[in-house]
């Protein structure tokens, strides 16, 4: 029993570190937060009335199936993007929780998110990339007008399973940051990698088990382990990026290693979650896949809990 408890606690810590993508690139969150809740630090958010535009860069080779799953996730974030109404939680109602986050003028995080442009890249930077290269890469795409300059956008770089990125799978499943692209403009960018080969037990849990985690079978992924691992981490990074885009928004603990809207709730996907158990989830009767939100084109997704500013706890029911 003691051994199982130690393994469970170790897994919980590993999961918290991996799903805490700090704004300025540190790979571990503060383990001694200054408060028991997320605090607002007075800076700008990505707020209404503007739409949050997503500029997606597919770096490396992705299967058509994985690309479709991920683009359907983006298509599910706003009801106006064609999400079919369901009698149950949806990706758009999950995003709606983030609208409780407001800036000092009372403007809430935008409720509209659109995938406005996608580009591909077959390993122009090679297959071993530093984080600083990602910033320069995004800056170059804007300077050369491959992508537009959009101060309310998020430039998201997704790397394929055969690409190694600094700190990815070593205490991080993704991160967001910002870069100055002109004397008066800076933009938000982010990275998430495909964990299927490199670290499925760390960055695709609970659809794959960690080497030193608690015993028990992995859950069945509705869209594939790699794709669903990426989607969970994309959701985590997006939530942090819109509520703490410049490291002056909402976070808890050390500003260089903050716990943000989702990373303050590591490993929580449903009610009753505890270390090593994601919580009570819905299960597809045919595929046996576990999920907690419906999306576009009949998709089912598993999305992480968000720290709810109203109830001051992790919200896992959307």
Protein backbone atom coordinates (compact mmCIF):
# COMPACT_ATOMS: atom_id res chain seq x y z
CA UNK A 1 0.00 0.00 0.00
CA UNK A 2 2.79 2.41 0.89
CA UNK A 3 4.58 1.59 -2.37
CA UNK A 4 1.42 2.29 -4.40
CA UNK A 5 0.96 5.59 -2.56
CA UNK A 6 4.53 6.66 -3.28
CA UNK A 7 4.10 5.77 -6.94
CA UNK A 8 0.82 7.68 -7.08
CA UNK A 9 2.34 10.77 -5.51
CA UNK A 10 5.37 10.57 -7.81
CA UNK A 11 3.09 10.31 -10.83
CA UNK A 12 1.02 13.27 -9.65
CA UNK A 13 4.15 15.41 -9.36
CA UNK A 14 5.45 14.30 -12.77
CA UNK A 15 2.08 15.08 -14.35
CA UNK A 16 1.88 18.50 -12.72
CA UNK A 17 5.33 19.41 -14.02
CA UNK A 18 4.65 18.18 -17.53
CA UNK A 19 1.33 19.97 -17.94
CA UNK A 20 2.57 23.28 -16.60
CA UNK A 21 3.87 25.05 -19.71
CA UNK A 22 5.21 28.29 -18.27
CA UNK A 23 5.12 31.50 -20.27
CA UNK A 24 8.83 32.20 -20.19
CA UNK A 25 10.09 28.71 -20.80
CA UNK A 26 11.05 27.38 -17.37
CA UNK A 27 10.33 23.70 -17.23
CA UNK A 28 8.95 23.35 -13.72
CA UNK A 29 6.26 25.26 -11.83
CA UNK A 30 6.74 26.65 -8.37
CA UNK A 31 6.16 23.99 -5.74
CA UNK A 32 5.57 26.64 -3.07
CA UNK A 33 2.87 28.92 -4.49
CA UNK A 34 2.28 32.25 -2.82
CA UNK A 35 -1.48 31.78 -2.76
CA UNK A 36 -4.06 28.99 -2.82
CA UNK A 37 -5.77 30.48 -5.86
CA UNK A 38 -4.88 32.03 -9.18
CA UNK A 39 -4.31 35.78 -8.90
CA UNK A 40 -4.68 38.53 -11.50
CA UNK A 41 -1.50 40.59 -11.92
CA UNK A 42 -2.95 43.50 -13.89
CA UNK A 43 -1.70 42.78 -17.39
CA UNK A 44 -3.57 42.34 -20.71
CA UNK A 45 -5.45 39.22 -21.75
CA UNK A 46 -6.66 38.15 -25.18
CA UNK A 47 -10.12 39.64 -24.74
CA UNK A 48 -13.39 40.48 -26.43
CA UNK A 49 -14.68 41.85 -28.76
CA UNK A 50 -11.88 40.53 -30.92
CA UNK A 51 -11.75 36.97 -32.21
CA UNK A 52 -8.74 34.95 -31.15
CA UNK A 53 -7.20 33.83 -34.43
CA UNK A 54 -5.13 30.64 -34.50
CA UNK A 55 -2.28 30.37 -37.00
CA UNK A 56 -1.31 26.72 -37.14
CA UNK A 57 2.05 25.45 -38.32
CA UNK A 58 2.34 21.71 -38.95
CA UNK A 59 6.05 21.05 -38.55
CA UNK A 60 6.94 17.61 -39.87
CA UNK A 61 4.83 14.75 -41.15
CA UNK A 62 1.35 14.21 -39.69
CA UNK A 63 -1.23 11.65 -40.70
CA UNK A 64 -4.43 12.84 -42.31
CA UNK A 65 -6.37 11.26 -39.43
CA UNK A 66 -4.47 13.19 -36.75
CA UNK A 67 -4.73 16.46 -38.66
CA UNK A 68 -8.50 16.00 -38.98
CA UNK A 69 -8.91 15.30 -35.25
CA UNK A 70 -6.93 18.39 -34.27
CA UNK A 71 -8.61 20.74 -36.75
CA UNK A 72 -12.01 19.47 -35.59
CA UNK A 73 -10.99 20.40 -32.05
CA UNK A 74 -10.35 23.97 -33.18
CA UNK A 75 -13.63 23.93 -35.06
CA UNK A 76 -15.36 22.99 -31.82
CA UNK A 77 -14.15 25.90 -29.69
CA UNK A 78 -16.84 28.34 -30.84
CA UNK A 79 -20.47 27.50 -31.51
CA UNK A 80 -20.31 29.69 -34.62
CA UNK A 81 -17.70 27.31 -36.00
CA UNK A 82 -20.28 24.60 -36.58
CA UNK A 83 -20.43 22.60 -33.34
CA UNK A 84 -23.60 20.55 -33.35
CA UNK A 85 -25.60 21.17 -30.14
CA UNK A 86 -25.46 18.18 -27.79
CA UNK A 87 -27.33 17.28 -24.64
CA UNK A 88 -24.16 17.43 -22.66
CA UNK A 89 -20.84 19.20 -22.28
CA UNK A 90 -19.12 20.54 -25.39
CA UNK A 91 -15.73 21.95 -26.24
CA UNK A 92 -17.32 25.40 -26.56
CA UNK A 93 -18.83 25.21 -23.05
CA UNK A 94 -15.39 24.19 -21.78
CA UNK A 95 -13.96 27.34 -23.37
CA UNK A 96 -16.77 29.41 -21.89
CA UNK A 97 -15.32 28.82 -18.42
CA UNK A 98 -12.34 30.94 -19.48
CA UNK A 99 -14.67 33.90 -20.04
CA UNK A 100 -14.83 34.36 -16.27
CA UNK A 101 -11.26 35.66 -16.61
CA UNK A 102 -11.42 39.44 -17.13
CA UNK A 103 -8.84 42.21 -17.47
CA UNK A 104 -8.72 45.37 -15.35
CA UNK A 105 -11.27 47.05 -17.64
CA UNK A 106 -13.70 44.18 -17.11
CA UNK A 107 -13.25 42.69 -20.59
CA UNK A 108 -13.47 38.91 -20.62
CA UNK A 109 -11.43 36.43 -22.62
CA UNK A 110 -12.87 36.22 -26.12
CA UNK A 111 -15.53 33.61 -26.62
CA UNK A 112 -14.72 33.23 -30.31
CA UNK A 113 -11.71 31.24 -31.47
CA UNK A 114 -11.04 30.58 -35.14
CA UNK A 115 -8.45 28.56 -37.00
CA UNK A 116 -7.78 31.10 -39.73
CA UNK A 117 -4.67 29.76 -41.46
CA UNK A 118 -2.60 26.59 -41.65
CA UNK A 119 0.82 26.07 -43.18
CA UNK A 120 3.11 23.07 -43.40
CA UNK A 121 6.85 22.70 -43.04
CA UNK A 122 8.87 19.58 -43.75
CA UNK A 123 11.76 19.92 -41.29
CA UNK A 124 13.27 23.25 -42.43
CA UNK A 125 14.89 23.56 -38.98
CA UNK A 126 15.85 19.89 -38.82
CA UNK A 127 14.56 17.41 -36.27
CA UNK A 128 16.25 18.75 -33.14
CA UNK A 129 14.93 22.20 -32.22
CA UNK A 130 15.63 24.68 -29.44
CA UNK A 131 12.85 26.76 -27.94
CA UNK A 132 14.55 29.97 -29.03
CA UNK A 133 14.42 28.71 -32.62
CA UNK A 134 10.64 28.47 -32.43
CA UNK A 135 10.41 32.16 -31.48
CA UNK A 136 12.69 33.14 -34.37
CA UNK A 137 10.78 30.85 -36.71
CA UNK A 138 7.44 32.51 -35.90
CA UNK A 139 9.03 35.95 -36.17
CA UNK A 140 10.39 35.07 -39.61
CA UNK A 141 7.00 33.83 -40.86
CA UNK A 142 5.50 37.18 -39.88
CA UNK A 143 8.35 39.29 -41.30
CA UNK A 144 8.21 37.45 -44.63
CA UNK A 145 4.40 37.79 -44.64
CA UNK A 146 3.80 34.07 -44.78
CA UNK A 147 1.62 34.75 -41.75
CA UNK A 148 0.01 38.10 -40.90
CA UNK A 149 0.87 40.21 -37.87
CA UNK A 150 -2.00 39.70 -35.44
CA UNK A 151 -1.71 41.01 -31.89
CA UNK A 152 -4.81 39.05 -30.86
CA UNK A 153 -3.65 35.84 -32.50
CA UNK A 154 -1.80 32.76 -31.32
CA UNK A 155 0.87 31.24 -33.55
CA UNK A 156 0.87 27.55 -32.69
CA UNK A 157 3.69 25.27 -33.84
CA UNK A 158 2.85 21.58 -33.73
CA UNK A 159 5.79 19.21 -34.14
CA UNK A 160 5.56 15.64 -35.42
CA UNK A 161 6.47 12.59 -33.37
CA UNK A 162 9.96 12.34 -34.88
CA UNK A 163 10.93 15.91 -33.92
CA UNK A 164 12.79 16.58 -30.67
CA UNK A 165 12.15 19.96 -29.06
CA UNK A 166 14.11 21.35 -26.12
CA UNK A 167 12.46 20.35 -22.80
CA UNK A 168 9.58 18.55 -24.54
CA UNK A 169 8.99 15.25 -22.72
CA UNK A 170 11.46 16.37 -20.06
CA UNK A 171 9.16 18.18 -17.68
CA UNK A 172 7.08 19.85 -20.40
CA UNK A 173 4.34 18.81 -22.84
CA UNK A 174 4.14 22.24 -24.43
CA UNK A 175 4.61 25.92 -23.71
CA UNK A 176 3.53 29.42 -24.69
CA UNK A 177 5.50 32.64 -24.80
CA UNK A 178 5.57 35.96 -26.65
CA UNK A 179 7.99 37.62 -29.03
CA UNK A 180 8.51 41.24 -30.13
CA UNK A 181 8.04 41.50 -33.90
CA UNK A 182 8.17 45.28 -34.27
CA UNK A 183 8.86 48.29 -32.03
CA UNK A 184 5.15 48.45 -31.16
CA UNK A 185 4.01 44.86 -31.52
CA UNK A 186 4.53 41.55 -29.81
CA UNK A 187 2.66 38.35 -30.47
CA UNK A 188 1.87 35.16 -28.60
CA UNK A 189 3.24 31.87 -29.87
CA UNK A 190 3.13 28.33 -28.55
CA UNK A 191 4.43 24.82 -29.11
CA UNK A 192 2.94 21.36 -28.60
CA UNK A 193 4.53 18.13 -29.79
CA UNK A 194 3.17 14.72 -30.68
CA UNK A 195 4.00 12.54 -27.64
CA UNK A 196 3.12 9.15 -29.15
CA UNK A 197 6.71 7.92 -29.56
CA UNK A 198 8.70 10.04 -27.13
CA UNK A 199 6.59 10.21 -23.96
CA UNK A 200 2.99 8.93 -24.22
CA UNK A 201 2.87 8.05 -20.52
CA UNK A 202 3.74 11.60 -19.55
CA UNK A 203 2.04 13.75 -22.19
CA UNK A 204 -0.86 11.53 -23.28
CA UNK A 205 -2.03 10.26 -19.88
CA UNK A 206 -4.59 8.81 -19.15
CA UNK A 207 -4.53 7.25 -22.63
CA UNK A 208 -1.08 5.80 -21.96
CA UNK A 209 0.52 4.81 -18.68
CA UNK A 210 3.73 6.29 -17.24
CA UNK A 211 6.62 3.96 -16.47
CA UNK A 212 6.37 4.65 -12.73
CA UNK A 213 2.69 5.49 -12.40
CA UNK A 214 -0.06 3.69 -10.53
CA UNK A 215 -1.19 0.28 -11.83
CA UNK A 216 -4.24 -0.21 -14.03
CA UNK A 217 -5.12 -0.13 -17.72
CA UNK A 218 -4.84 2.98 -19.86
CA UNK A 219 -8.10 4.49 -21.09
CA UNK A 220 -9.13 4.16 -24.73
CA UNK A 221 -8.49 7.35 -26.71
CA UNK A 222 -11.39 8.54 -28.88
CA UNK A 223 -9.11 9.93 -31.61
CA UNK A 224 -5.85 8.03 -31.10
CA UNK A 225 -3.25 8.34 -28.36
CA UNK A 226 -0.99 10.78 -30.19
CA UNK A 227 -3.79 13.05 -31.42
CA UNK A 228 -5.63 13.11 -28.10
CA UNK A 229 -2.40 13.73 -26.22
CA UNK A 230 -1.78 16.73 -28.45
CA UNK A 231 -5.35 17.98 -28.10
CA UNK A 232 -5.23 17.86 -24.29
CA UNK A 233 -1.96 19.79 -24.33
CA UNK A 234 -3.16 22.26 -26.98
CA UNK A 235 -6.15 22.98 -24.73
CA UNK A 236 -3.82 23.49 -21.77
CA UNK A 237 -1.49 25.83 -23.65
CA UNK A 238 -4.32 27.85 -25.24
CA UNK A 239 -5.97 28.40 -21.86
CA UNK A 240 -2.69 29.69 -20.45
CA UNK A 241 -1.96 31.81 -23.50
CA UNK A 242 -5.26 33.72 -23.44
CA UNK A 243 -5.34 34.29 -19.66
CA UNK A 244 -1.62 34.98 -19.21
CA UNK A 245 -0.26 35.97 -22.64
CA UNK A 246 2.57 38.22 -21.43
CA UNK A 247 3.23 36.72 -18.01
CA UNK A 248 1.30 39.55 -16.34
CA UNK A 249 -2.18 38.01 -16.38
CA UNK A 250 -3.65 35.25 -14.26
CA UNK A 251 -1.29 32.83 -12.58
CA UNK A 252 -0.22 31.39 -9.27
CA UNK A 253 3.26 31.18 -7.82
CA UNK A 254 6.57 32.14 -9.41
CA UNK A 255 6.03 34.34 -12.51
CA UNK A 256 8.91 32.56 -14.22
CA UNK A 257 7.23 29.18 -13.61
CA UNK A 258 3.55 29.97 -13.16
CA UNK A 259 0.60 27.70 -12.57
CA UNK A 260 -2.09 28.92 -14.95
CA UNK A 261 -5.78 28.34 -15.70
CA UNK A 262 -5.37 24.63 -16.50
CA UNK A 263 -1.98 23.77 -15.06
CA UNK A 264 -3.32 24.66 -11.60
CA UNK A 265 -5.48 21.52 -11.99
CA UNK A 266 -3.00 18.80 -13.09
CA UNK A 267 -4.44 15.39 -13.86
CA UNK A 268 -8.06 16.46 -13.33
CA UNK A 269 -10.52 15.59 -16.10
CA UNK A 270 -13.67 14.72 -14.18
CA UNK A 271 -15.38 14.83 -10.82
CA UNK A 272 -13.75 12.72 -8.14
CA UNK A 273 -10.25 12.90 -9.66
CA UNK A 274 -7.24 12.08 -7.52
CA UNK A 275 -3.57 11.33 -8.30
CA UNK A 276 -3.52 8.55 -10.87
CA UNK A 277 -7.28 8.70 -11.50
CA UNK A 278 -8.61 11.26 -14.02
CA UNK A 279 -12.12 11.40 -12.56
CA UNK A 280 -15.53 10.22 -13.70
CA UNK A 281 -15.76 10.32 -17.49
CA UNK A 282 -18.24 9.38 -20.18
CA UNK A 283 -17.49 6.18 -22.12
CA UNK A 284 -18.55 5.46 -25.67
CA UNK A 285 -20.68 2.31 -25.72
CA UNK A 286 -19.15 1.00 -28.95
CA UNK A 287 -15.50 2.09 -28.96
CA UNK A 288 -15.14 2.17 -25.15
CA UNK A 289 -13.28 5.48 -25.55
CA UNK A 290 -13.33 7.87 -22.60
CA UNK A 291 -14.23 11.54 -23.06
CA UNK A 292 -15.82 14.51 -21.33
CA UNK A 293 -16.82 16.85 -24.19
CA UNK A 294 -18.55 16.67 -27.56
CA UNK A 295 -17.18 18.48 -30.58
CA UNK A 296 -17.64 19.19 -34.26
CA UNK A 297 -18.30 16.44 -36.79
CA UNK A 298 -19.35 13.97 -34.12
CA UNK A 299 -16.00 14.12 -32.34
CA UNK A 300 -15.48 13.30 -28.69
CA UNK A 301 -12.64 14.83 -26.72
CA UNK A 302 -11.05 14.63 -23.29
CA UNK A 303 -10.30 18.11 -22.00
CA UNK A 304 -8.53 19.14 -18.78
CA UNK A 305 -10.25 20.89 -15.88
CA UNK A 306 -10.01 24.69 -15.62
CA UNK A 307 -9.53 26.68 -12.42
CA UNK A 308 -12.91 28.35 -11.94
CA UNK A 309 -12.61 31.88 -10.54
CA UNK A 310 -16.18 31.80 -9.23
CA UNK A 311 -16.10 28.58 -7.24
CA UNK A 312 -12.33 28.75 -6.59
CA UNK A 313 -11.83 25.12 -7.52
CA UNK A 314 -11.05 23.01 -10.55
CA UNK A 315 -14.06 22.82 -12.83
CA UNK A 316 -14.31 19.48 -14.59
CA UNK A 317 -17.97 19.61 -15.60
CA UNK A 318 -18.59 21.98 -18.47
